[in-house]
C-alpha atoms as a PDB file:
ATOM      1  CA  GLY A   1     -14.692 -19.153  -6.289  1.00  0.00           C
ATOM      2  CA  ASN A   2     -13.490 -22.714  -5.119  1.00  0.00           C
ATOM      3  CA  GLN A   3     -12.581 -21.062  -1.630  1.00  0.00           C
ATOM      4  CA  VAL A   4     -16.296 -19.389  -1.460  1.00  0.00           C
ATOM      5  CA  MET A   5     -17.854 -23.147  -2.158  1.00  0.00           C
ATOM      6  CA  HIS A   6     -15.470 -24.560   0.133  1.00  0.00           C
ATOM      7  CA  HIS A   7     -16.983 -22.784   2.916  1.00  0.00           C
ATOM      8  CA  ILE A   8     -20.364 -22.831   1.818  1.00  0.00           C
ATOM      9  CA  ARG A   9     -20.174 -27.087   1.721  1.00  0.00           C
ATOM     10  CA  SER A  10     -17.805 -26.902   5.157  1.00  0.00           C
ATOM     11  CA  ALA A  11     -21.156 -24.875   6.820  1.00  0.00           C
ATOM     12  CA  GLN A  12     -23.707 -27.155   5.252  1.00  0.00           C
ATOM     13  CA  GLN A  13     -21.700 -30.111   6.668  1.00  0.00           C
ATOM     14  CA  THR A  14     -21.102 -28.980   9.989  1.00  0.00           C
ATOM     15  CA  ARG A  15     -24.727 -27.505  10.051  1.00  0.00           C
ATOM     16  CA  ALA A  16     -23.988 -24.428  11.077  1.00  0.00           C
ATOM     17  CA  ARG A  17     -24.724 -21.200   8.645  1.00  0.00           C
ATOM     18  CA  LEU A  18     -22.662 -18.635   7.436  1.00  0.00           C
ATOM     19  CA  LEU A  19     -23.451 -14.951   7.252  1.00  0.00           C
ATOM     20  CA  GLU A  20     -22.140 -13.061   4.422  1.00  0.00           C
ATOM     21  CA  GLY A  21     -19.626 -11.023   6.133  1.00  0.00           C
ATOM     22  CA  ASP A  22     -18.026 -14.260   8.056  1.00  0.00           C
ATOM     23  CA  VAL A  23     -16.717 -15.331   4.218  1.00  0.00           C
ATOM     24  CA  ALA A  24     -13.632 -13.337   3.817  1.00  0.00           C
ATOM     25  CA  ALA A  25     -13.147 -14.563   0.110  1.00  0.00           C
ATOM     26  CA  LEU A  26     -16.405 -12.846  -0.900  1.00  0.00           C
ATOM     27  CA  ARG A  27     -14.670  -9.459  -0.477  1.00  0.00           C
ATOM     28  CA  THR A  28     -12.396 -10.395  -2.807  1.00  0.00           C
ATOM     29  CA  LEU A  29     -14.886 -11.364  -6.023  1.00  0.00           C
ATOM     30  CA  PRO A  30     -15.259  -9.000  -8.729  1.00  0.00           C
ATOM     31  CA  PRO A  31     -19.158  -6.692  -8.293  1.00  0.00           C
ATOM     32  CA  SER A  32     -19.932  -8.706 -11.344  1.00  0.00           C
ATOM     33  CA  LEU A  33     -19.245 -12.145  -9.895  1.00  0.00           C
ATOM     34  CA  LEU A  34     -20.481 -11.170  -6.495  1.00  0.00           C
ATOM     35  CA  THR A  35     -23.874  -9.730  -7.620  1.00  0.00           C
ATOM     36  CA  GLU A  36     -24.259 -13.623  -9.538  1.00  0.00           C
ATOM     37  CA  LEU A  37     -23.457 -15.081  -6.246  1.00  0.00           C
ATOM     38  CA  ARG A  38     -25.859 -13.459  -3.947  1.00  0.00           C
ATOM     39  CA  TYR A  39     -28.670 -13.906  -6.697  1.00  0.00           C
ATOM     40  CA  GLU A  40     -28.330 -17.706  -6.368  1.00  0.00           C
ATOM     41  CA  VAL A  41     -27.941 -17.999  -2.948  1.00  0.00           C
ATOM     42  CA  TYR A  42     -30.631 -15.659  -1.938  1.00  0.00           C
ATOM     43  CA  SER A  43     -32.955 -16.689  -4.554  1.00  0.00           C
ATOM     44  CA  ARG A  44     -33.291 -20.217  -3.714  1.00  0.00           C
ATOM     45  CA  ALA A  45     -33.518 -19.035  -0.211  1.00  0.00           C
ATOM     46  CA  LEU A  46     -36.601 -16.880  -0.308  1.00  0.00           C
ATOM     47  CA  ARG A  47     -38.946 -19.503  -0.827  1.00  0.00           C
ATOM     48  CA  TYR A  48     -41.730 -17.025   0.270  1.00  0.00           C
ATOM     49  CA  PRO A  49     -44.688 -16.922  -2.499  1.00  0.00           C
ATOM     50  CA  PHE A  50     -44.105 -13.625  -3.792  1.00  0.00           C
ATOM     51  CA  PHE A  51     -40.172 -13.410  -4.131  1.00  0.00           C
ATOM     52  CA  THR A  52     -40.535 -16.529  -5.832  1.00  0.00           C
ATOM     53  CA  TRP A  53     -42.782 -15.291  -7.979  1.00  0.00           C
ATOM     54  CA  LEU A  54     -41.093 -12.156  -8.209  1.00  0.00           C
ATOM     55  CA  ASN A  55     -38.172 -14.617  -9.676  1.00  0.00           C
ATOM     56  CA  THR A  56     -40.080 -16.827 -11.766  1.00  0.00           C
ATOM     57  CA  SER A  57     -41.819 -13.537 -13.700  1.00  0.00           C
ATOM     58  CA  HIS A  58     -38.943 -10.905 -13.554  1.00  0.00           C
ATOM     59  CA  SER A  59     -35.220 -12.492 -12.470  1.00  0.00           C
ATOM     60  CA  LYS A  60     -33.566  -9.490 -13.601  1.00  0.00           C
ATOM     61  CA  THR A  61     -35.662  -7.184 -10.539  1.00  0.00           C
ATOM     62  CA  MET A  62     -35.191 -10.080  -8.356  1.00  0.00           C
ATOM     63  CA  SER A  63     -31.785 -10.101  -8.536  1.00  0.00           C
ATOM     64  CA  LEU A  64     -31.627  -6.354  -8.214  1.00  0.00           C
ATOM     65  CA  VAL A  65     -33.709  -7.069  -4.824  1.00  0.00           C
ATOM     66  CA  CYS A  66     -31.219  -9.652  -3.818  1.00  0.00           C
ATOM     67  CA  GLN A  67     -28.315  -7.005  -4.483  1.00  0.00           C
ATOM     68  CA  GLN A  68     -29.459  -4.355  -3.091  1.00  0.00           C
ATOM     69  CA  ALA A  69     -32.616  -5.176  -0.514  1.00  0.00           C
ATOM     70  CA  VAL A  70     -31.269  -8.254   1.117  1.00  0.00           C
ATOM     71  CA  SER A  71     -28.796  -9.024   4.062  1.00  0.00           C
ATOM     72  CA  GLN A  72     -28.726 -11.920   6.709  1.00  0.00           C
ATOM     73  CA  ILE A  73     -28.952 -11.537  10.237  1.00  0.00           C
ATOM     74  CA  ALA A  74     -28.036 -13.659  13.296  1.00  0.00           C
ATOM     75  CA  TYR A  75     -30.078 -13.355  16.657  1.00  0.00           C
ATOM     76  CA  GLY A  76     -29.007 -14.773  20.028  1.00  0.00           C
ATOM     77  CA  ARG A  77     -31.531 -16.363  22.929  1.00  0.00           C
ATOM     78  CA  ASP A  78     -33.665 -14.411  23.976  1.00  0.00           C
ATOM     79  CA  GLU A  79     -32.750 -11.202  21.384  1.00  0.00           C
ATOM     80  CA  GLU A  80     -35.185  -9.308  20.103  1.00  0.00           C
ATOM     81  CA  PRO A  81     -35.691  -8.050  16.247  1.00  0.00           C
ATOM     82  CA  PHE A  82     -38.551  -5.773  16.953  1.00  0.00           C
ATOM     83  CA  ALA A  83     -41.218  -4.731  19.696  1.00  0.00           C
ATOM     84  CA  HIS A  84     -44.899  -3.516  19.781  1.00  0.00           C
ATOM     85  CA  HIS A  85     -45.296  -0.016  18.243  1.00  0.00           C
ATOM     86  CA  THR A  86     -41.771   0.449  17.069  1.00  0.00           C
ATOM     87  CA  GLN A  87     -40.567   1.433  13.512  1.00  0.00           C
ATOM     88  CA  TYR A  88     -41.032  -0.846  10.647  1.00  0.00           C
ATOM     89  CA  GLN A  89     -37.803  -2.440  10.358  1.00  0.00           C
ATOM     90  CA  GLY A  90     -38.414  -4.661   7.454  1.00  0.00           C
ATOM     91  CA  MET A  91     -39.402  -7.594   6.292  1.00  0.00           C
ATOM     92  CA  PHE A  92     -37.637 -11.022   7.890  1.00  0.00           C
ATOM     93  CA  PHE A  93     -37.922 -14.454   6.698  1.00  0.00           C
ATOM     94  CA  VAL A  94     -36.320 -16.943   8.661  1.00  0.00           C
ATOM     95  CA  GLN A  95     -33.841 -19.424   7.751  1.00  0.00           C
ATOM     96  CA  SER A  96     -33.208 -21.517  10.987  1.00  0.00           C
ATOM     97  CA  GLY A  97     -34.023 -21.611  14.461  1.00  0.00           C
ATOM     98  CA  LYS A  98     -37.494 -20.176  16.008  1.00  0.00           C
ATOM     99  CA  PHE A  99     -38.769 -16.908  17.200  1.00  0.00           C
ATOM    100  CA  ARG A 100     -42.029 -16.378  19.700  1.00  0.00           C
ATOM    101  CA  TYR A 101     -44.204 -13.917  18.686  1.00  0.00           C
ATOM    102  CA  PHE A 102     -46.319 -11.769  21.434  1.00  0.00           C
ATOM    103  CA  PRO A 103     -49.110  -9.913  19.641  1.00  0.00           C
ATOM    104  CA  GLY A 104     -50.003  -6.321  20.795  1.00  0.00           C
ATOM    105  CA  VAL A 105     -52.740  -4.636  22.774  1.00  0.00           C
ATOM    106  CA  ASN A 106     -53.724  -3.168  19.748  1.00  0.00           C
ATOM    107  CA  SER A 107     -53.577  -5.158  16.740  1.00  0.00           C
ATOM    108  CA  PHE A 108     -55.902  -4.552  13.952  1.00  0.00           C
ATOM    109  CA  VAL A 109     -58.769  -7.031  14.382  1.00  0.00           C
ATOM    110  CA  GLY A 110     -61.384  -7.419  11.572  1.00  0.00           C
ATOM    111  CA  TYR A 111     -65.046  -6.134  12.066  1.00  0.00           C
ATOM    112  CA  GLY A 112     -67.134  -9.648  10.877  1.00  0.00           C
ATOM    113  CA  ASN A 113     -68.605 -11.835  13.043  1.00  0.00           C
ATOM    114  CA  ASP A 114     -65.317 -13.525  14.864  1.00  0.00           C
ATOM    115  CA  SER A 115     -63.883 -10.148  16.016  1.00  0.00           C
ATOM    116  CA  CYS A 116     -63.877 -11.167  19.210  1.00  0.00           C
ATOM    117  CA  LYS A 117     -61.103 -13.618  18.482  1.00  0.00           C
ATOM    118  CA  LEU A 118     -58.525 -14.056  20.943  1.00  0.00           C
ATOM    119  CA  GLN A 119     -55.686 -10.942  20.320  1.00  0.00           C
ATOM    120  CA  HIS A 120     -52.772 -11.719  22.721  1.00  0.00           C
ATOM    121  CA  GLU A 121     -52.237 -15.812  21.499  1.00  0.00           C
ATOM    122  CA  THR A 122     -48.749 -15.909  21.399  1.00  0.00           C
ATOM    123  CA  LYS A 123     -47.731 -17.630  17.949  1.00  0.00           C
ATOM    124  CA  PHE A 124     -44.037 -19.561  17.014  1.00  0.00           C
ATOM    125  CA  VAL A 125     -41.901 -18.710  13.448  1.00  0.00           C
ATOM    126  CA  GLU A 126     -39.891 -21.378  12.367  1.00  0.00           C
ATOM    127  CA  ALA A 127     -37.849 -21.613   9.106  1.00  0.00           C
ATOM    128  CA  GLY A 128     -39.299 -21.236   5.905  1.00  0.00           C
ATOM    129  CA  GLU A 129     -42.110 -18.758   6.981  1.00  0.00           C
ATOM    130  CA  GLY A 130     -42.086 -14.739   6.706  1.00  0.00           C
ATOM    131  CA  LEU A 131     -42.958 -12.043   8.862  1.00  0.00           C
ATOM    132  CA  ALA A 132     -44.187  -8.258   8.603  1.00  0.00           C
ATOM    133  CA  GLU A 133     -44.287  -8.213   4.973  1.00  0.00           C
ATOM    134  CA  ALA A 134     -47.345  -5.487   5.066  1.00  0.00           C
ATOM    135  CA  GLY A 135     -45.089  -2.925   5.576  1.00  0.00           C
ATOM    136  CA  LEU A 136     -43.474  -3.441   2.163  1.00  0.00           C
ATOM    137  CA  TRP A 137     -46.987  -2.404   1.059  1.00  0.00           C
ATOM    138  CA  MET A 138     -48.495  -0.094   3.264  1.00  0.00           C
ATOM    139  CA  GLU A 139     -47.860   2.180   5.879  1.00  0.00           C
ATOM    140  CA  TRP A 140     -46.805  -0.479   9.292  1.00  0.00           C
ATOM    141  CA  GLU A 141     -45.642  -0.229  12.410  1.00  0.00           C
ATOM    142  CA  HIS A 142     -44.956  -3.428  14.376  1.00  0.00           C
ATOM    143  CA  ARG A 143     -47.548  -4.848  15.980  1.00  0.00           C
ATOM    144  CA  GLY A 144     -45.838  -7.283  18.604  1.00  0.00           C
ATOM    145  CA  LEU A 145     -42.674  -8.281  20.089  1.00  0.00           C
ATOM    146  CA  LEU A 146     -40.472 -10.872  18.399  1.00  0.00           C
ATOM    147  CA  LYS A 147     -38.494 -12.866  20.215  1.00  0.00           C
ATOM    148  CA  ALA A 148     -35.803 -15.559  19.460  1.00  0.00           C
ATOM    149  CA  THR A 149     -36.154 -18.782  21.492  1.00  0.00           C
ATOM    150  CA  CYS A 150     -32.763 -20.024  20.589  1.00  0.00           C
ATOM    151  CA  ARG A 151     -29.904 -19.214  17.901  1.00  0.00           C
ATOM    152  CA  CYS A 152     -31.685 -17.794  14.908  1.00  0.00           C
ATOM    153  CA  TYR A 153     -31.023 -16.659  11.463  1.00  0.00           C
ATOM    154  CA  VAL A 154     -32.995 -14.721   9.071  1.00  0.00           C
ATOM    155  CA  ILE A 155     -32.723 -12.804   5.692  1.00  0.00           C
ATOM    156  CA  HIS A 156     -34.353  -9.062   6.220  1.00  0.00           C
ATOM    157  CA  ILE A 157     -35.595  -7.353   3.813  1.00  0.00           C
ATOM    158  CA  ASP A 158     -34.490  -3.761   3.656  1.00  0.00           C
ATOM    159  CA  PRO A 159     -38.189  -1.526   2.740  1.00  0.00           C
ATOM    160  CA  MET A 160     -36.446   1.579   1.282  1.00  0.00           C
ATOM    161  CA  GLU A 161     -34.041  -0.559  -0.738  1.00  0.00           C
ATOM    162  CA  PHE A 162     -36.597  -3.019  -1.972  1.00  0.00           C
ATOM    163  CA  ARG A 163     -39.107   0.050  -3.550  1.00  0.00           C
ATOM    164  CA  LEU A 164     -35.635   1.268  -4.919  1.00  0.00           C
ATOM    165  CA  SER A 165     -34.817  -1.920  -6.469  1.00  0.00           C
ATOM    166  CA  ILE A 166     -38.445  -2.412  -7.883  1.00  0.00           C
ATOM    167  CA  LEU A 167     -38.550   0.687  -9.277  1.00  0.00           C
ATOM    168  CA  LYS A 168     -34.983   0.799 -11.186  1.00  0.00           C
ATOM    169  CA  ARG A 169     -37.372  -2.379 -13.643  1.00  0.00           C
ATOM    170  CA  VAL A 170     -39.573  -0.474 -15.236  1.00  0.00           C
ATOM    171  CA  SER A 171     -40.795  -3.649 -16.691  1.00  0.00           C
ATOM    172  CA  SER A 172     -41.534  -5.307 -13.675  1.00  0.00           C
ATOM    173  CA  VAL A 173     -43.549  -1.907 -11.761  1.00  0.00           C
ATOM    174  CA  ARG A 174     -46.967  -2.417 -12.714  1.00  0.00           C
ATOM    175  CA  ARG A 175     -47.073  -6.535 -12.140  1.00  0.00           C
ATOM    176  CA  VAL A 176     -45.705  -5.292  -8.638  1.00  0.00           C
ATOM    177  CA  LYS A 177     -47.898  -2.882  -8.094  1.00  0.00           C
ATOM    178  CA  PHE A 178     -51.045  -5.280  -9.019  1.00  0.00           C
ATOM    179  CA  TYR A 179     -49.529  -7.993  -6.615  1.00  0.00           C
ATOM    180  CA  ALA A 180     -49.532  -5.503  -3.896  1.00  0.00           C
ATOM    181  CA  GLN A 181     -53.144  -4.312  -4.294  1.00  0.00           C
ATOM    182  CA  ARG A 182     -54.233  -8.431  -4.431  1.00  0.00           C
ATOM    183  CA  PHE A 183     -52.128  -8.212  -0.782  1.00  0.00           C
ATOM    184  CA  LEU A 184     -54.105  -5.185   0.137  1.00  0.00           C
ATOM    185  CA  ASP A 185     -57.450  -7.037  -0.746  1.00  0.00           C
ATOM    186  CA  LYS A 186     -56.628  -9.698   1.161  1.00  0.00           C
ATOM    187  CA  VAL A 187     -55.919  -7.576   3.873  1.00  0.00           C
ATOM    188  CA  LYS A 188     -59.461  -6.187   3.855  1.00  0.00           C
ATOM    189  CA  ALA A 189     -61.013  -9.822   3.535  1.00  0.00           C
ATOM    190  CA  ALA A 190     -59.159 -10.850   6.524  1.00  0.00           C
ATOM    191  CA  MET A 191     -60.272  -7.847   8.322  1.00  0.00           C
ATOM    192  CA  HIS A 192     -64.077  -8.022   7.353  1.00  0.00           C
ATOM    193  CA  ASP A 193     -64.018 -11.760   8.344  1.00  0.00           C
ATOM    194  CA  GLY A 194     -62.411 -10.725  11.582  1.00  0.00           C
ATOM    195  CA  ASP A 195     -59.392 -11.822  11.369  1.00  0.00           C
ATOM    196  CA  ILE A 196     -56.390 -10.183  13.492  1.00  0.00           C
ATOM    197  CA  ILE A 197     -53.965  -8.599  11.263  1.00  0.00           C
ATOM    198  CA  ASP A 198     -50.223  -8.979  12.503  1.00  0.00           C
ATOM    199  CA  ASP A 199     -46.684  -8.674  11.667  1.00  0.00           C
ATOM    200  CA  THR A 200     -47.639 -13.036  11.149  1.00  0.00           C
ATOM    201  CA  PHE A 201     -50.197 -12.275   8.477  1.00  0.00           C
ATOM    202  CA  THR A 202     -49.773 -14.013   5.120  1.00  0.00           C
ATOM    203  CA  ALA A 203     -52.071 -13.066   2.092  1.00  0.00           C
ATOM    204  CA  PHE A 204     -51.002 -16.206   0.511  1.00  0.00           C
ATOM    205  CA  ALA A 205     -50.157 -19.793   1.574  1.00  0.00           C
ATOM    206  CA  CYS A 206     -48.367 -20.808  -1.800  1.00  0.00           C
ATOM    207  CA  GLU A 207     -46.994 -19.726  -5.065  1.00  0.00           C
ATOM    208  CA  ARG A 208     -49.932 -21.381  -6.382  1.00  0.00           C
ATOM    209  CA  ASP A 209     -52.316 -19.662  -4.486  1.00  0.00           C
ATOM    210  CA  LEU A 210     -50.699 -15.894  -5.631  1.00  0.00           C
ATOM    211  CA  LYS A 211     -51.096 -17.281  -8.964  1.00  0.00           C
ATOM    212  CA  LEU A 212     -54.379 -18.315  -9.111  1.00  0.00           C
ATOM    213  CA  ALA A 213     -55.402 -14.362  -7.853  1.00  0.00           C
ATOM    214  CA  ILE A 214     -53.297 -12.607 -10.054  1.00  0.00           C
ATOM    215  CA  ALA A 215     -54.712 -15.338 -13.075  1.00  0.00           C
ATOM    216  CA  PHE A 216     -58.402 -14.339 -11.611  1.00  0.00           C
ATOM    217  CA  ALA A 217     -57.666 -10.996 -11.307  1.00  0.00           C
ATOM    218  CA  ASP A 218     -56.149 -10.798 -14.372  1.00  0.00           C
ATOM    219  CA  HIS A 219     -59.359 -12.464 -16.150  1.00  0.00           C
ATOM    220  CA  ARG A 220     -61.927 -10.091 -14.699  1.00  0.00           C
ATOM    221  CA  SER A 221     -59.893  -7.089 -15.662  1.00  0.00           C
ATOM    222  CA  ASN A 222     -59.798  -7.998 -19.476  1.00  0.00           C
ATOM    223  CA  THR A 223     -63.235  -8.977 -19.242  1.00  0.00           C
ATOM    224  CA  LYS A 224     -64.138  -5.506 -17.832  1.00  0.00           C
ATOM    225  CA  VAL A 225     -62.011  -3.715 -20.822  1.00  0.00           C
ATOM    226  CA  LEU A 226     -63.839  -5.771 -23.844  1.00  0.00           C
ATOM    227  CA  ARG A 227     -67.459  -4.851 -22.063  1.00  0.00           C
ATOM    228  CA  GLU A 228     -66.154  -1.324 -21.833  1.00  0.00           C
ATOM    229  CA  GLY A 229     -65.165  -1.869 -25.555  1.00  0.00           C
END
């Protein structure tokens, strides 16, 4: 344990980033301790509305996700994690560095009054931002090209392992499905307003917005049940 923390503190002091595979001492840890360590590291690092909410509401499910679905990846300058119209690779959460995102020709464009919005405006994605969450909840192929502008580190969420992790905790399945429906509602609303739906789309700006949306949907659902009763 002391050796592991020494490596982590050393990396923080030099502003370098360690990938999990770079710390040989981790391979000698008992499985239970490694599970606990992965949860502590990744649950704190994934400061993204859905994962913050999941950790607050269902910490055991979050622990499973951290253990089975999450990994760290480093990309060098000009490397491309995914390209337009390629098979969904999973969700990416940027820990450090900056990516440039080039939307593809056929990114989903809404049908509202502002549907003439520019489709090909490039965007920068920086530390603390997520990419391609949509593929966790719906059929998806990447809608643009992502290219690293410098050395970048990301947390990657594997979609299949993510779903299997959720299904292993029956108590959280209903609530996660509830979130997925709220996400799809946001997609539909954005398309109606003429917004572009690509890999940079985020349904909720922060955990507070997510909690408000869930509370509102819960209230509507309870009101409907009372009326039907």
